[in-house]
Amino acid sequence: MQQPNTVETCQEYARLTAYVENVLGNLAQLTTSLVDLFRGGDFPEVARLDKELELTVGEKERSIGALRQHMIEHKCQPKEPI
């Protein structure tokens, strides 16, 4: 039986988790900006940023999906399940 890979030694796991963290940071920043624009009544900019937010949500879904798939295929074992 193959032993699980530790996440500390898996370069692809490290790359994918860094990517997920980056996308989540972008998502948080876009959401905060969108709230500020909405409160300020800048609705043309709200519409523009809302589209960017939708695309970033899709990127977040794909990045987390890629991480999960890697963990299944490579048998990486994080400290906590995602």
N, C-alpha and C. Protein backbone atom coordinates (compact mmCIF):
# COMPACT_ATOMS: atom_id res chain seq x y z
N MET A 1 0.84 -1.19 0.00
CA MET A 1 0.00 0.00 0.00
C MET A 1 0.88 1.24 0.00
N GLN A 2 0.55 2.20 -0.88
CA GLN A 2 1.34 3.41 -0.99
C GLN A 2 1.08 4.33 0.20
N GLN A 3 2.16 4.85 0.75
CA GLN A 3 2.04 5.78 1.88
C GLN A 3 1.57 7.14 1.36
N PRO A 4 0.76 7.85 2.14
CA PRO A 4 0.34 9.18 1.72
C PRO A 4 1.53 10.13 1.67
N ASN A 5 1.48 11.06 0.74
CA ASN A 5 2.50 12.09 0.65
C ASN A 5 2.20 13.15 1.71
N THR A 6 3.22 13.66 2.33
CA THR A 6 2.99 14.75 3.27
C THR A 6 2.94 16.05 2.50
N VAL A 7 2.06 16.93 2.91
CA VAL A 7 1.90 18.19 2.20
C VAL A 7 3.16 19.05 2.30
N GLU A 8 3.97 18.83 3.32
CA GLU A 8 5.19 19.61 3.49
C GLU A 8 6.20 19.33 2.38
N THR A 9 6.13 18.15 1.76
CA THR A 9 7.11 17.78 0.75
C THR A 9 6.55 17.81 -0.67
N CYS A 10 5.29 18.11 -0.85
CA CYS A 10 4.67 18.10 -2.17
C CYS A 10 4.66 19.51 -2.76
N GLN A 11 5.48 19.70 -3.79
CA GLN A 11 5.58 21.02 -4.41
C GLN A 11 4.28 21.45 -5.10
N GLU A 12 3.59 20.50 -5.72
CA GLU A 12 2.34 20.84 -6.40
C GLU A 12 1.27 21.25 -5.39
N TYR A 13 1.21 20.56 -4.25
CA TYR A 13 0.27 20.95 -3.20
C TYR A 13 0.57 22.37 -2.74
N ALA A 14 1.84 22.67 -2.54
CA ALA A 14 2.24 24.01 -2.10
C ALA A 14 1.85 25.05 -3.15
N ARG A 15 2.06 24.74 -4.43
CA ARG A 15 1.71 25.68 -5.50
C ARG A 15 0.20 25.90 -5.54
N LEU A 16 -0.56 24.82 -5.45
CA LEU A 16 -2.01 24.94 -5.52
C LEU A 16 -2.59 25.67 -4.31
N THR A 17 -2.07 25.40 -3.12
CA THR A 17 -2.59 26.11 -1.94
C THR A 17 -2.25 27.59 -2.00
N ALA A 18 -1.07 27.93 -2.52
CA ALA A 18 -0.72 29.35 -2.67
C ALA A 18 -1.66 30.02 -3.67
N TYR A 19 -2.00 29.30 -4.74
CA TYR A 19 -2.92 29.83 -5.74
C TYR A 19 -4.31 30.05 -5.14
N VAL A 20 -4.81 29.07 -4.37
CA VAL A 20 -6.11 29.22 -3.72
C VAL A 20 -6.10 30.43 -2.79
N GLU A 21 -5.05 30.56 -1.99
CA GLU A 21 -4.96 31.70 -1.07
C GLU A 21 -4.97 33.02 -1.83
N ASN A 22 -4.28 33.09 -2.95
CA ASN A 22 -4.24 34.30 -3.76
C ASN A 22 -5.63 34.64 -4.31
N VAL A 23 -6.31 33.64 -4.83
CA VAL A 23 -7.65 33.86 -5.39
C VAL A 23 -8.61 34.30 -4.28
N LEU A 24 -8.54 33.66 -3.11
CA LEU A 24 -9.41 34.06 -2.00
C LEU A 24 -9.12 35.48 -1.55
N GLY A 25 -7.86 35.88 -1.55
CA GLY A 25 -7.51 37.26 -1.22
C GLY A 25 -8.09 38.24 -2.22
N ASN A 26 -8.00 37.88 -3.51
CA ASN A 26 -8.59 38.73 -4.55
C ASN A 26 -10.10 38.83 -4.37
N LEU A 27 -10.71 37.72 -4.04
CA LEU A 27 -12.16 37.70 -3.82
C LEU A 27 -12.56 38.62 -2.67
N ALA A 28 -11.82 38.56 -1.59
CA ALA A 28 -12.11 39.42 -0.43
C ALA A 28 -11.93 40.89 -0.80
N GLN A 29 -10.87 41.19 -1.53
CA GLN A 29 -10.60 42.58 -1.91
C GLN A 29 -11.68 43.11 -2.86
N LEU A 30 -12.06 42.30 -3.83
CA LEU A 30 -13.12 42.72 -4.75
C LEU A 30 -14.44 42.94 -4.04
N THR A 31 -14.77 42.06 -3.11
CA THR A 31 -16.02 42.18 -2.37
C THR A 31 -16.04 43.45 -1.53
N THR A 32 -14.93 43.74 -0.87
CA THR A 32 -14.84 44.97 -0.07
C THR A 32 -14.98 46.20 -0.96
N SER A 33 -14.31 46.19 -2.11
CA SER A 33 -14.42 47.31 -3.05
C SER A 33 -15.84 47.47 -3.57
N LEU A 34 -16.49 46.34 -3.83
CA LEU A 34 -17.85 46.39 -4.34
C LEU A 34 -18.81 46.99 -3.31
N VAL A 35 -18.64 46.64 -2.05
CA VAL A 35 -19.47 47.21 -0.99
C VAL A 35 -19.25 48.73 -0.93
N ASP A 36 -18.01 49.15 -0.98
CA ASP A 36 -17.71 50.58 -0.92
C ASP A 36 -18.33 51.33 -2.09
N LEU A 37 -18.21 50.78 -3.29
CA LEU A 37 -18.80 51.42 -4.46
C LEU A 37 -20.32 51.47 -4.37
N PHE A 38 -20.91 50.38 -3.89
CA PHE A 38 -22.36 50.33 -3.75
C PHE A 38 -22.84 51.39 -2.77
N ARG A 39 -22.17 51.46 -1.63
CA ARG A 39 -22.54 52.46 -0.62
C ARG A 39 -22.36 53.88 -1.14
N GLY A 40 -21.37 54.06 -2.01
CA GLY A 40 -21.12 55.38 -2.58
C GLY A 40 -22.02 55.72 -3.75
N GLY A 41 -22.82 54.77 -4.20
CA GLY A 41 -23.76 55.03 -5.28
C GLY A 41 -23.14 55.03 -6.67
N ASP A 42 -21.94 54.50 -6.83
CA ASP A 42 -21.28 54.46 -8.14
C ASP A 42 -21.71 53.20 -8.88
N PHE A 43 -22.96 53.22 -9.37
CA PHE A 43 -23.54 52.01 -9.93
C PHE A 43 -22.91 51.55 -11.25
N PRO A 44 -22.43 52.45 -12.11
CA PRO A 44 -21.71 51.95 -13.29
C PRO A 44 -20.45 51.15 -12.89
N GLU A 45 -19.75 51.63 -11.89
CA GLU A 45 -18.55 50.91 -11.43
C GLU A 45 -18.94 49.64 -10.68
N VAL A 46 -20.08 49.65 -9.98
CA VAL A 46 -20.59 48.46 -9.32
C VAL A 46 -20.84 47.37 -10.37
N ALA A 47 -21.45 47.73 -11.47
CA ALA A 47 -21.75 46.75 -12.53
C ALA A 47 -20.46 46.17 -13.10
N ARG A 48 -19.46 47.00 -13.31
CA ARG A 48 -18.19 46.53 -13.85
C ARG A 48 -17.49 45.58 -12.87
N LEU A 49 -17.44 46.01 -11.62
CA LEU A 49 -16.75 45.20 -10.62
C LEU A 49 -17.52 43.92 -10.29
N ASP A 50 -18.85 43.98 -10.41
CA ASP A 50 -19.65 42.79 -10.16
C ASP A 50 -19.30 41.69 -11.16
N LYS A 51 -19.08 42.05 -12.40
CA LYS A 51 -18.69 41.06 -13.41
C LYS A 51 -17.33 40.46 -13.06
N GLU A 52 -16.40 41.29 -12.63
CA GLU A 52 -15.08 40.81 -12.22
C GLU A 52 -15.19 39.86 -11.02
N LEU A 53 -16.08 40.21 -10.11
CA LEU A 53 -16.31 39.36 -8.93
C LEU A 53 -16.86 37.99 -9.35
N GLU A 54 -17.79 37.98 -10.29
CA GLU A 54 -18.33 36.71 -10.78
C GLU A 54 -17.23 35.84 -11.39
N LEU A 55 -16.36 36.44 -12.17
CA LEU A 55 -15.26 35.69 -12.77
C LEU A 55 -14.30 35.16 -11.70
N THR A 56 -14.08 35.94 -10.67
CA THR A 56 -13.19 35.52 -9.60
C THR A 56 -13.80 34.39 -8.78
N VAL A 57 -15.11 34.41 -8.59
CA VAL A 57 -15.79 33.30 -7.90
C VAL A 57 -15.59 32.01 -8.71
N GLY A 58 -15.69 32.10 -10.01
CA GLY A 58 -15.44 30.93 -10.85
C GLY A 58 -14.01 30.45 -10.73
N GLU A 59 -13.07 31.38 -10.69
CA GLU A 59 -11.67 31.03 -10.52
C GLU A 59 -11.44 30.35 -9.16
N LYS A 60 -12.14 30.84 -8.14
CA LYS A 60 -12.04 30.23 -6.81
C LYS A 60 -12.54 28.79 -6.84
N GLU A 61 -13.66 28.55 -7.49
CA GLU A 61 -14.21 27.20 -7.60
C GLU A 61 -13.24 26.27 -8.32
N ARG A 62 -12.66 26.75 -9.41
CA ARG A 62 -11.72 25.92 -10.17
C ARG A 62 -10.45 25.65 -9.38
N SER A 63 -9.95 26.64 -8.67
CA SER A 63 -8.70 26.46 -7.93
C SER A 63 -8.88 25.48 -6.77
N ILE A 64 -9.98 25.58 -6.06
CA ILE A 64 -10.23 24.64 -4.97
C ILE A 64 -10.49 23.24 -5.54
N GLY A 65 -11.18 23.16 -6.65
CA GLY A 65 -11.40 21.87 -7.30
C GLY A 65 -10.09 21.22 -7.73
N ALA A 66 -9.17 22.03 -8.27
CA ALA A 66 -7.87 21.50 -8.68
C ALA A 66 -7.09 21.00 -7.48
N LEU A 67 -7.16 21.72 -6.37
CA LEU A 67 -6.47 21.28 -5.15
C LEU A 67 -7.05 19.97 -4.64
N ARG A 68 -8.37 19.89 -4.59
CA ARG A 68 -9.01 18.64 -4.14
C ARG A 68 -8.63 17.47 -5.04
N GLN A 69 -8.67 17.69 -6.35
CA GLN A 69 -8.33 16.63 -7.30
C GLN A 69 -6.89 16.19 -7.11
N HIS A 70 -5.99 17.13 -6.94
CA HIS A 70 -4.58 16.79 -6.71
C HIS A 70 -4.44 15.95 -5.45
N MET A 71 -5.13 16.34 -4.40
CA MET A 71 -5.04 15.61 -3.14
C MET A 71 -5.53 14.17 -3.30
N ILE A 72 -6.56 13.96 -4.10
CA ILE A 72 -7.08 12.62 -4.34
C ILE A 72 -6.07 11.81 -5.17
N GLU A 73 -5.61 12.41 -6.27
CA GLU A 73 -4.73 11.68 -7.19
C GLU A 73 -3.34 11.44 -6.60
N HIS A 74 -2.83 12.40 -5.87
CA HIS A 74 -1.46 12.33 -5.37
C HIS A 74 -1.41 11.81 -3.94
N LYS A 75 -2.59 11.64 -3.36
CA LYS A 75 -2.74 11.15 -2.00
C LYS A 75 -2.04 12.06 -0.97
N CYS A 76 -2.11 13.35 -1.22
CA CYS A 76 -1.60 14.32 -0.24
C CYS A 76 -2.55 14.36 0.94
N GLN A 77 -2.02 14.47 2.10
CA GLN A 77 -2.83 14.47 3.32
C GLN A 77 -2.61 15.78 4.07
N PRO A 78 -3.56 16.72 3.97
CA PRO A 78 -3.43 17.95 4.76
C PRO A 78 -3.72 17.67 6.23
N LYS A 79 -3.37 18.63 7.05
CA LYS A 79 -3.65 18.49 8.48
C LYS A 79 -5.15 18.49 8.74
N GLU A 80 -5.90 19.29 7.99
CA GLU A 80 -7.35 19.39 8.12
C GLU A 80 -7.96 19.18 6.75
N PRO A 81 -9.10 18.49 6.63
CA PRO A 81 -9.73 18.30 5.34
C PRO A 81 -10.30 19.60 4.80
N ILE A 82 -10.32 19.72 3.48
CA ILE A 82 -10.95 20.90 2.88
C ILE A 82 -12.20 20.49 2.16
